[in-house]
Amino acid sequence: MPENAMHDLIIESRKKVTMTGINDVESFDEETIIAQSECGEISLRGRGLKISRLSVESGDMVVEGEIDSVIYSEGKSAGSFFSKVFR
């Protein structure tokens, strides 16, 4: 993780997630959203998930729905490479 990486994540009542430092959204559907942040890959899992706000310029993203889990991992997942190749 870069030493000067700026990223925040706020979960409100497991119904709304506000994130900063988002560089890219790899994939999304109603159950999973995978995004790249300045601190690595973030996987949000839940039900009825939707991206209600996304600003590429500022790196801000708001997700609403029923949040079950948030998982951080380093770098991109192996699946994201193949999903981009076979789009």
PDB file of N, CA and C in Angstrom:
ATOM      1  N   MET A   1       0.850  -1.169   0.000  1.00  0.00           N
ATOM      2  CA  MET A   1       0.000   0.000   0.000  1.00  0.00           C
ATOM      3  C   MET A   1       0.894   1.230   0.000  1.00  0.00           C
ATOM      4  N   PRO A   2       0.622   2.195  -0.893  1.00  0.00           N
ATOM      5  CA  PRO A   2       1.416   3.417  -0.898  1.00  0.00           C
ATOM      6  C   PRO A   2       1.312   4.144   0.437  1.00  0.00           C
ATOM      7  N   GLU A   3       2.446   4.704   0.868  1.00  0.00           N
ATOM      8  CA  GLU A   3       2.472   5.346   2.177  1.00  0.00           C
ATOM      9  C   GLU A   3       1.568   6.573   2.252  1.00  0.00           C
ATOM     10  N   ASN A   4       1.368   7.273   1.153  1.00  0.00           N
ATOM     11  CA  ASN A   4       0.529   8.466   1.157  1.00  0.00           C
ATOM     12  C   ASN A   4      -0.895   8.185   0.662  1.00  0.00           C
ATOM     13  N   ALA A   5      -1.320   6.923   0.666  1.00  0.00           N
ATOM     14  CA  ALA A   5      -2.659   6.547   0.202  1.00  0.00           C
ATOM     15  C   ALA A   5      -3.722   7.151   1.111  1.00  0.00           C
ATOM     16  N   MET A   6      -4.743   7.712   0.491  1.00  0.00           N
ATOM     17  CA  MET A   6      -5.858   8.299   1.223  1.00  0.00           C
ATOM     18  C   MET A   6      -7.117   7.519   0.886  1.00  0.00           C
ATOM     19  N   HIS A   7      -7.723   6.928   1.907  1.00  0.00           N
ATOM     20  CA  HIS A   7      -8.932   6.138   1.692  1.00  0.00           C
ATOM     21  C   HIS A   7      -9.709   6.090   2.998  1.00  0.00           C
ATOM     22  N   ASP A   8     -10.999   6.349   2.931  1.00  0.00           N
ATOM     23  CA  ASP A   8     -11.888   6.232   4.081  1.00  0.00           C
ATOM     24  C   ASP A   8     -13.075   5.384   3.690  1.00  0.00           C
ATOM     25  N   LEU A   9     -13.634   4.692   4.675  1.00  0.00           N
ATOM     26  CA  LEU A   9     -14.829   3.883   4.471  1.00  0.00           C
ATOM     27  C   LEU A   9     -15.705   4.048   5.708  1.00  0.00           C
ATOM     28  N   ILE A  10     -16.945   4.480   5.495  1.00  0.00           N
ATOM     29  CA  ILE A  10     -17.893   4.675   6.590  1.00  0.00           C
ATOM     30  C   ILE A  10     -19.126   3.832   6.300  1.00  0.00           C
ATOM     31  N   ILE A  11     -19.492   2.975   7.251  1.00  0.00           N
ATOM     32  CA  ILE A  11     -20.691   2.149   7.123  1.00  0.00           C
ATOM     33  C   ILE A  11     -21.734   2.699   8.084  1.00  0.00           C
ATOM     34  N   GLU A  12     -22.918   3.004   7.550  1.00  0.00           N
ATOM     35  CA  GLU A  12     -24.009   3.529   8.356  1.00  0.00           C
ATOM     36  C   GLU A  12     -25.110   2.475   8.470  1.00  0.00           C
ATOM     37  N   SER A  13     -25.256   1.902   9.663  1.00  0.00           N
ATOM     38  CA  SER A  13     -26.331   0.940   9.974  1.00  0.00           C
ATOM     39  C   SER A  13     -26.417  -0.220   8.991  1.00  0.00           C
ATOM     40  N   ARG A  14     -25.289  -0.599   8.415  1.00  0.00           N
ATOM     41  CA  ARG A  14     -25.224  -1.688   7.440  1.00  0.00           C
ATOM     42  C   ARG A  14     -26.148  -1.472   6.246  1.00  0.00           C
ATOM     43  N   LYS A  15     -26.536  -0.215   5.994  1.00  0.00           N
ATOM     44  CA  LYS A  15     -27.433   0.113   4.879  1.00  0.00           C
ATOM     45  C   LYS A  15     -26.788   1.052   3.859  1.00  0.00           C
ATOM     46  N   LYS A  16     -25.716   1.732   4.263  1.00  0.00           N
ATOM     47  CA  LYS A  16     -25.076   2.711   3.385  1.00  0.00           C
ATOM     48  C   LYS A  16     -23.577   2.724   3.656  1.00  0.00           C
ATOM     49  N   VAL A  17     -22.786   2.693   2.582  1.00  0.00           N
ATOM     50  CA  VAL A  17     -21.331   2.758   2.685  1.00  0.00           C
ATOM     51  C   VAL A  17     -20.853   3.950   1.866  1.00  0.00           C
ATOM     52  N   THR A  18     -20.086   4.817   2.513  1.00  0.00           N
ATOM     53  CA  THR A  18     -19.474   5.959   1.845  1.00  0.00           C
ATOM     54  C   THR A  18     -17.968   5.719   1.812  1.00  0.00           C
ATOM     55  N   MET A  19     -17.374   5.805   0.618  1.00  0.00           N
ATOM     56  CA  MET A  19     -15.947   5.540   0.457  1.00  0.00           C
ATOM     57  C   MET A  19     -15.267   6.692  -0.275  1.00  0.00           C
ATOM     58  N   THR A  20     -14.028   6.939   0.087  1.00  0.00           N
ATOM     59  CA  THR A  20     -13.189   7.887  -0.641  1.00  0.00           C
ATOM     60  C   THR A  20     -11.942   7.141  -1.106  1.00  0.00           C
ATOM     61  N   GLY A  21     -11.239   7.713  -2.059  1.00  0.00           N
ATOM     62  CA  GLY A  21     -10.017   7.092  -2.562  1.00  0.00           C
ATOM     63  C   GLY A  21     -10.280   5.942  -3.519  1.00  0.00           C
ATOM     64  N   ILE A  22     -11.440   5.941  -4.181  1.00  0.00           N
ATOM     65  CA  ILE A  22     -11.784   4.881  -5.135  1.00  0.00           C
ATOM     66  C   ILE A  22     -11.222   5.252  -6.501  1.00  0.00           C
ATOM     67  N   ASN A  23     -10.456   4.319  -7.085  1.00  0.00           N
ATOM     68  CA  ASN A  23      -9.834   4.548  -8.387  1.00  0.00           C
ATOM     69  C   ASN A  23     -10.628   3.959  -9.542  1.00  0.00           C
ATOM     70  N   ASP A  24     -11.340   2.843  -9.297  1.00  0.00           N
ATOM     71  CA  ASP A  24     -12.028   2.131 -10.374  1.00  0.00           C
ATOM     72  C   ASP A  24     -13.043   1.177  -9.770  1.00  0.00           C
ATOM     73  N   VAL A  25     -14.105   0.903 -10.507  1.00  0.00           N
ATOM     74  CA  VAL A  25     -15.070  -0.134 -10.126  1.00  0.00           C
ATOM     75  C   VAL A  25     -14.887  -1.276 -11.116  1.00  0.00           C
ATOM     76  N   GLU A  26     -14.422  -2.415 -10.606  1.00  0.00           N
ATOM     77  CA  GLU A  26     -14.140  -3.584 -11.459  1.00  0.00           C
ATOM     78  C   GLU A  26     -15.420  -4.251 -11.933  1.00  0.00           C
ATOM     79  N   SER A  27     -16.359  -4.469 -10.996  1.00  0.00           N
ATOM     80  CA  SER A  27     -17.625  -5.113 -11.351  1.00  0.00           C
ATOM     81  C   SER A  27     -18.650  -4.797 -10.278  1.00  0.00           C
ATOM     82  N   PHE A  28     -19.916  -4.938 -10.665  1.00  0.00           N
ATOM     83  CA  PHE A  28     -20.975  -4.710  -9.686  1.00  0.00           C
ATOM     84  C   PHE A  28     -22.255  -5.389 -10.134  1.00  0.00           C
ATOM     85  N   ASP A  29     -22.994  -5.872  -9.169  1.00  0.00           N
ATOM     86  CA  ASP A  29     -24.354  -6.344  -9.350  1.00  0.00           C
ATOM     87  C   ASP A  29     -25.058  -6.170  -8.009  1.00  0.00           C
ATOM     88  N   GLU A  30     -26.241  -6.726  -7.849  1.00  0.00           N
ATOM     89  CA  GLU A  30     -27.008  -6.508  -6.622  1.00  0.00           C
ATOM     90  C   GLU A  30     -26.444  -7.228  -5.406  1.00  0.00           C
ATOM     91  N   GLU A  31     -25.477  -8.143  -5.606  1.00  0.00           N
ATOM     92  CA  GLU A  31     -24.917  -8.902  -4.491  1.00  0.00           C
ATOM     93  C   GLU A  31     -23.447  -8.624  -4.217  1.00  0.00           C
ATOM     94  N   THR A  32     -22.705  -8.121  -5.210  1.00  0.00           N
ATOM     95  CA  THR A  32     -21.266  -7.903  -5.045  1.00  0.00           C
ATOM     96  C   THR A  32     -20.822  -6.662  -5.810  1.00  0.00           C
ATOM     97  N   ILE A  33     -20.014  -5.851  -5.154  1.00  0.00           N
ATOM     98  CA  ILE A  33     -19.365  -4.716  -5.816  1.00  0.00           C
ATOM     99  C   ILE A  33     -17.875  -4.842  -5.527  1.00  0.00           C
ATOM    100  N   ILE A  34     -17.065  -4.822  -6.589  1.00  0.00           N
ATOM    101  CA  ILE A  34     -15.617  -4.903  -6.449  1.00  0.00           C
ATOM    102  C   ILE A  34     -15.022  -3.617  -6.988  1.00  0.00           C
ATOM    103  N   ALA A  35     -14.272  -2.921  -6.130  1.00  0.00           N
ATOM    104  CA  ALA A  35     -13.682  -1.632  -6.498  1.00  0.00           C
ATOM    105  C   ALA A  35     -12.209  -1.621  -6.128  1.00  0.00           C
ATOM    106  N   GLN A  36     -11.453  -0.808  -6.862  1.00  0.00           N
ATOM    107  CA  GLN A  36     -10.047  -0.593  -6.553  1.00  0.00           C
ATOM    108  C   GLN A  36      -9.922   0.720  -5.800  1.00  0.00           C
ATOM    109  N   SER A  37      -9.279   0.670  -4.636  1.00  0.00           N
ATOM    110  CA  SER A  37      -9.033   1.881  -3.861  1.00  0.00           C
ATOM    111  C   SER A  37      -7.533   2.123  -3.818  1.00  0.00           C
ATOM    112  N   GLU A  38      -7.149   3.226  -3.242  1.00  0.00           N
ATOM    113  CA  GLU A  38      -5.737   3.533  -3.080  1.00  0.00           C
ATOM    114  C   GLU A  38      -5.072   2.576  -2.090  1.00  0.00           C
ATOM    115  N   CYS A  39      -5.879   1.810  -1.340  1.00  0.00           N
ATOM    116  CA  CYS A  39      -5.353   0.863  -0.350  1.00  0.00           C
ATOM    117  C   CYS A  39      -5.572  -0.589  -0.758  1.00  0.00           C
ATOM    118  N   GLY A  40      -5.922  -0.851  -2.008  1.00  0.00           N
ATOM    119  CA  GLY A  40      -6.133  -2.210  -2.489  1.00  0.00           C
ATOM    120  C   GLY A  40      -7.560  -2.431  -2.943  1.00  0.00           C
ATOM    121  N   GLU A  41      -7.856  -3.675  -3.263  1.00  0.00           N
ATOM    122  CA  GLU A  41      -9.182  -4.040  -3.748  1.00  0.00           C
ATOM    123  C   GLU A  41     -10.164  -4.170  -2.592  1.00  0.00           C
ATOM    124  N   ILE A  42     -11.394  -3.702  -2.809  1.00  0.00           N
ATOM    125  CA  ILE A  42     -12.462  -3.798  -1.818  1.00  0.00           C
ATOM    126  C   ILE A  42     -13.605  -4.576  -2.438  1.00  0.00           C
ATOM    127  N   SER A  43     -14.073  -5.604  -1.727  1.00  0.00           N
ATOM    128  CA  SER A  43     -15.251  -6.362  -2.144  1.00  0.00           C
ATOM    129  C   SER A  43     -16.358  -6.120  -1.132  1.00  0.00           C
ATOM    130  N   LEU A  44     -17.469  -5.591  -1.617  1.00  0.00           N
ATOM    131  CA  LEU A  44     -18.664  -5.423  -0.787  1.00  0.00           C
ATOM    132  C   LEU A  44     -19.645  -6.513  -1.178  1.00  0.00           C
ATOM    133  N   ARG A  45     -20.195  -7.190  -0.187  1.00  0.00           N
ATOM    134  CA  ARG A  45     -21.183  -8.233  -0.456  1.00  0.00           C
ATOM    135  C   ARG A  45     -22.432  -7.940   0.354  1.00  0.00           C
ATOM    136  N   GLY A  46     -23.580  -8.272  -0.240  1.00  0.00           N
ATOM    137  CA  GLY A  46     -24.843  -8.037   0.436  1.00  0.00           C
ATOM    138  C   GLY A  46     -26.009  -8.324  -0.486  1.00  0.00           C
ATOM    139  N   ARG A  47     -27.120  -7.632  -0.239  1.00  0.00           N
ATOM    140  CA  ARG A  47     -28.331  -7.817  -1.040  1.00  0.00           C
ATOM    141  C   ARG A  47     -28.882  -6.447  -1.419  1.00  0.00           C
ATOM    142  N   GLY A  48     -29.373  -6.362  -2.653  1.00  0.00           N
ATOM    143  CA  GLY A  48     -29.945  -5.118  -3.141  1.00  0.00           C
ATOM    144  C   GLY A  48     -28.950  -3.978  -3.225  1.00  0.00           C
ATOM    145  N   LEU A  49     -27.694  -4.301  -3.497  1.00  0.00           N
ATOM    146  CA  LEU A  49     -26.654  -3.270  -3.549  1.00  0.00           C
ATOM    147  C   LEU A  49     -26.797  -2.424  -4.809  1.00  0.00           C
ATOM    148  N   LYS A  50     -26.626  -1.134  -4.646  1.00  0.00           N
ATOM    149  CA  LYS A  50     -26.608  -0.235  -5.802  1.00  0.00           C
ATOM    150  C   LYS A  50     -25.643   0.909  -5.507  1.00  0.00           C
ATOM    151  N   ILE A  51     -24.966   1.342  -6.549  1.00  0.00           N
ATOM    152  CA  ILE A  51     -24.068   2.491  -6.435  1.00  0.00           C
ATOM    153  C   ILE A  51     -24.931   3.725  -6.641  1.00  0.00           C
ATOM    154  N   SER A  52     -25.156   4.472  -5.574  1.00  0.00           N
ATOM    155  CA  SER A  52     -26.022   5.644  -5.688  1.00  0.00           C
ATOM    156  C   SER A  52     -25.245   6.897  -6.076  1.00  0.00           C
ATOM    157  N   ARG A  53     -23.917   6.889  -5.859  1.00  0.00           N
ATOM    158  CA  ARG A  53     -23.091   8.028  -6.282  1.00  0.00           C
ATOM    159  C   ARG A  53     -21.678   7.532  -6.554  1.00  0.00           C
ATOM    160  N   LEU A  54     -21.107   8.012  -7.661  1.00  0.00           N
ATOM    161  CA  LEU A  54     -19.729   7.690  -8.005  1.00  0.00           C
ATOM    162  C   LEU A  54     -19.133   8.888  -8.718  1.00  0.00           C
ATOM    163  N   SER A  55     -18.043   9.412  -8.182  1.00  0.00           N
ATOM    164  CA  SER A  55     -17.346  10.531  -8.807  1.00  0.00           C
ATOM    165  C   SER A  55     -15.932  10.087  -9.139  1.00  0.00           C
ATOM    166  N   VAL A  56     -15.653   9.970 -10.414  1.00  0.00           N
ATOM    167  CA  VAL A  56     -14.330   9.562 -10.864  1.00  0.00           C
ATOM    168  C   VAL A  56     -13.302  10.639 -10.522  1.00  0.00           C
ATOM    169  N   GLU A  57     -13.698  11.897 -10.624  1.00  0.00           N
ATOM    170  CA  GLU A  57     -12.774  12.997 -10.373  1.00  0.00           C
ATOM    171  C   GLU A  57     -12.300  13.021  -8.921  1.00  0.00           C
ATOM    172  N   SER A  58     -13.234  12.880  -7.972  1.00  0.00           N
ATOM    173  CA  SER A  58     -12.871  12.969  -6.552  1.00  0.00           C
ATOM    174  C   SER A  58     -12.592  11.606  -5.917  1.00  0.00           C
ATOM    175  N   GLY A  59     -13.012  10.518  -6.569  1.00  0.00           N
ATOM    176  CA  GLY A  59     -12.807   9.182  -6.013  1.00  0.00           C
ATOM    177  C   GLY A  59     -13.807   8.811  -4.938  1.00  0.00           C
ATOM    178  N   ASP A  60     -14.942   9.518  -4.882  1.00  0.00           N
ATOM    179  CA  ASP A  60     -15.973   9.236  -3.886  1.00  0.00           C
ATOM    180  C   ASP A  60     -17.007   8.265  -4.450  1.00  0.00           C
ATOM    181  N   MET A  61     -17.475   7.350  -3.593  1.00  0.00           N
ATOM    182  CA  MET A  61     -18.504   6.401  -3.997  1.00  0.00           C
ATOM    183  C   MET A  61     -19.426   6.139  -2.813  1.00  0.00           C
ATOM    184  N   VAL A  62     -20.733   6.063  -3.093  1.00  0.00           N
ATOM    185  CA  VAL A  62     -21.726   5.722  -2.086  1.00  0.00           C
ATOM    186  C   VAL A  62     -22.496   4.509  -2.580  1.00  0.00           C
ATOM    187  N   VAL A  63     -22.587   3.489  -1.713  1.00  0.00           N
ATOM    188  CA  VAL A  63     -23.316   2.262  -2.025  1.00  0.00           C
ATOM    189  C   VAL A  63     -24.441   2.119  -1.011  1.00  0.00           C
ATOM    190  N   GLU A  64     -25.630   1.780  -1.499  1.00  0.00           N
ATOM    191  CA  GLU A  64     -26.767   1.559  -0.621  1.00  0.00           C
ATOM    192  C   GLU A  64     -27.284   0.152  -0.824  1.00  0.00           C
ATOM    193  N   GLY A  65     -27.868  -0.428   0.217  1.00  0.00           N
ATOM    194  CA  GLY A  65     -28.393  -1.781   0.194  1.00  0.00           C
ATOM    195  C   GLY A  65     -28.112  -2.424   1.540  1.00  0.00           C
ATOM    196  N   GLU A  66     -28.292  -3.720   1.614  1.00  0.00           N
ATOM    197  CA  GLU A  66     -28.022  -4.456   2.854  1.00  0.00           C
ATOM    198  C   GLU A  66     -26.599  -5.012   2.795  1.00  0.00           C
ATOM    199  N   ILE A  67     -25.715  -4.457   3.605  1.00  0.00           N
ATOM    200  CA  ILE A  67     -24.293  -4.812   3.579  1.00  0.00           C
ATOM    201  C   ILE A  67     -24.046  -6.009   4.496  1.00  0.00           C
ATOM    202  N   ASP A  68     -23.488  -7.091   3.936  1.00  0.00           N
ATOM    203  CA  ASP A  68     -23.141  -8.274   4.725  1.00  0.00           C
ATOM    204  C   ASP A  68     -21.658  -8.318   5.070  1.00  0.00           C
ATOM    205  N   SER A  69     -20.790  -7.886   4.131  1.00  0.00           N
ATOM    206  CA  SER A  69     -19.356  -7.952   4.406  1.00  0.00           C
ATOM    207  C   SER A  69     -18.590  -6.951   3.552  1.00  0.00           C
ATOM    208  N   VAL A  70     -17.429  -6.566   4.077  1.00  0.00           N
ATOM    209  CA  VAL A  70     -16.466  -5.731   3.366  1.00  0.00           C
ATOM    210  C   VAL A  70     -15.126  -6.436   3.501  1.00  0.00           C
ATOM    211  N   ILE A  71     -14.489  -6.733   2.370  1.00  0.00           N
ATOM    212  CA  ILE A  71     -13.222  -7.465   2.381  1.00  0.00           C
ATOM    213  C   ILE A  71     -12.192  -6.672   1.588  1.00  0.00           C
ATOM    214  N   TYR A  72     -11.043  -6.452   2.210  1.00  0.00           N
ATOM    215  CA  TYR A  72      -9.911  -5.816   1.535  1.00  0.00           C
ATOM    216  C   TYR A  72      -8.928  -6.897   1.098  1.00  0.00           C
ATOM    217  N   SER A  73      -8.325  -6.691  -0.075  1.00  0.00           N
ATOM    218  CA  SER A  73      -7.237  -7.561  -0.507  1.00  0.00           C
ATOM    219  C   SER A  73      -6.248  -6.712  -1.292  1.00  0.00           C
ATOM    220  N   GLU A  74      -5.028  -7.187  -1.368  1.00  0.00           N
ATOM    221  CA  GLU A  74      -3.993  -6.459  -2.096  1.00  0.00           C
ATOM    222  C   GLU A  74      -4.173  -6.662  -3.588  1.00  0.00           C
ATOM    223  N   GLY A  75      -4.043  -5.600  -4.345  1.00  0.00           N
ATOM    224  CA  GLY A  75      -4.061  -5.688  -5.798  1.00  0.00           C
ATOM    225  C   GLY A  75      -5.391  -6.121  -6.353  1.00  0.00           C
ATOM    226  N   LYS A  76      -5.351  -6.545  -7.612  1.00  0.00           N
ATOM    227  CA  LYS A  76      -6.546  -6.975  -8.315  1.00  0.00           C
ATOM    228  C   LYS A  76      -6.698  -8.481  -8.188  1.00  0.00           C
ATOM    229  N   SER A  77      -7.942  -8.932  -8.215  1.00  0.00           N
ATOM    230  CA  SER A  77      -8.194 -10.377  -8.149  1.00  0.00           C
ATOM    231  C   SER A  77      -7.856 -11.007  -9.490  1.00  0.00           C
ATOM    232  N   ALA A  78      -7.586 -12.314  -9.467  1.00  0.00           N
ATOM    233  CA  ALA A  78      -7.248 -13.032 -10.701  1.00  0.00           C
ATOM    234  C   ALA A  78      -8.409 -12.995 -11.683  1.00  0.00           C
ATOM    235  N   GLY A  79      -9.626 -13.008 -11.186  1.00  0.00           N
ATOM    236  CA  GLY A  79     -10.801 -12.999 -12.039  1.00  0.00           C
ATOM    237  C   GLY A  79     -10.985 -11.697 -12.791  1.00  0.00           C
ATOM    238  N   SER A  80     -10.543 -10.604 -12.234  1.00  0.00           N
ATOM    239  CA  SER A  80     -10.780  -9.320 -12.884  1.00  0.00           C
ATOM    240  C   SER A  80     -10.023  -9.222 -14.212  1.00  0.00           C
ATOM    241  N   PHE A  81      -8.844  -9.829 -14.318  1.00  0.00           N
ATOM    242  CA  PHE A  81      -8.102  -9.840 -15.570  1.00  0.00           C
ATOM    243  C   PHE A  81      -8.898 -10.551 -16.652  1.00  0.00           C
ATOM    244  N   PHE A  82      -9.414 -11.745 -16.361  1.00  0.00           N
ATOM    245  CA  PHE A  82     -10.159 -12.507 -17.340  1.00  0.00           C
ATOM    246  C   PHE A  82     -11.495 -11.849 -17.665  1.00  0.00           C
ATOM    247  N   SER A  83     -12.122 -11.233 -16.676  1.00  0.00           N
ATOM    248  CA  SER A  83     -13.391 -10.572 -16.969  1.00  0.00           C
ATOM    249  C   SER A  83     -13.192  -9.410 -17.931  1.00  0.00           C
ATOM    250  N   LYS A  84     -12.037  -8.736 -17.872  1.00  0.00           N
ATOM    251  CA  LYS A  84     -11.767  -7.652 -18.813  1.00  0.00           C
ATOM    252  C   LYS A  84     -11.438  -8.193 -20.200  1.00  0.00           C
ATOM    253  N   VAL A  85     -10.734  -9.315 -20.277  1.00  0.00           N
ATOM    254  CA  VAL A  85     -10.360  -9.897 -21.564  1.00  0.00           C
ATOM    255  C   VAL A  85     -11.594 -10.390 -22.325  1.00  0.00           C
ATOM    256  N   PHE A  86     -12.558 -10.982 -21.596  1.00  0.00           N
ATOM    257  CA  PHE A  86     -13.698 -11.613 -22.255  1.00  0.00           C
ATOM    258  C   PHE A  86     -14.960 -10.761 -22.236  1.00  0.00           C
ATOM    259  N   ARG A  87     -14.841  -9.469 -22.081  1.00  0.00           N
ATOM    260  CA  ARG A  87     -16.021  -8.579 -22.120  1.00  0.00           C
ATOM    261  C   ARG A  87     -16.577  -8.492 -23.489  1.00  0.00           C
TER     262      ARG A  87
END
